[in-house]
Amino acid sequence: MSQEKVDKYKAAKKTRKEDVAREKKQKKLRRLLFSVIGAALVCALILGIVFSIIGKNRDEEARQKEAYQASAYIVPDIAGIQTEDAPTSTEAE
């Protein structure tokens, strides 16, 4: 039984350098993979926020265009400057 343990130890010692190198490689690969995934999630979050803001601005502009009425901005003739010949906004309607 003792000889079996010694043989296993010798076999493990022979492949130890390759095992350590493989573990380092896997660790670097995992770190790279998680970094890429993390960066992709951050980019997706930022893009979602930006597109949300852009969408709200477009909706607001559309509402403002719908609400715009030229007649709403006509100043009434408070000073009596308009002539009686010219139709006023209330007479034209």
Foldseek 3Di string as FASTA:
>chain_A
DVVVVVVVVVVCVVCVVVVVVVVVVVVVVVVVVVVVVVVVVVVVVVVVVVVVVVVVVVVVVVVVVVPDDPVVPDDDPPVPPDDPVDDDPVRVD
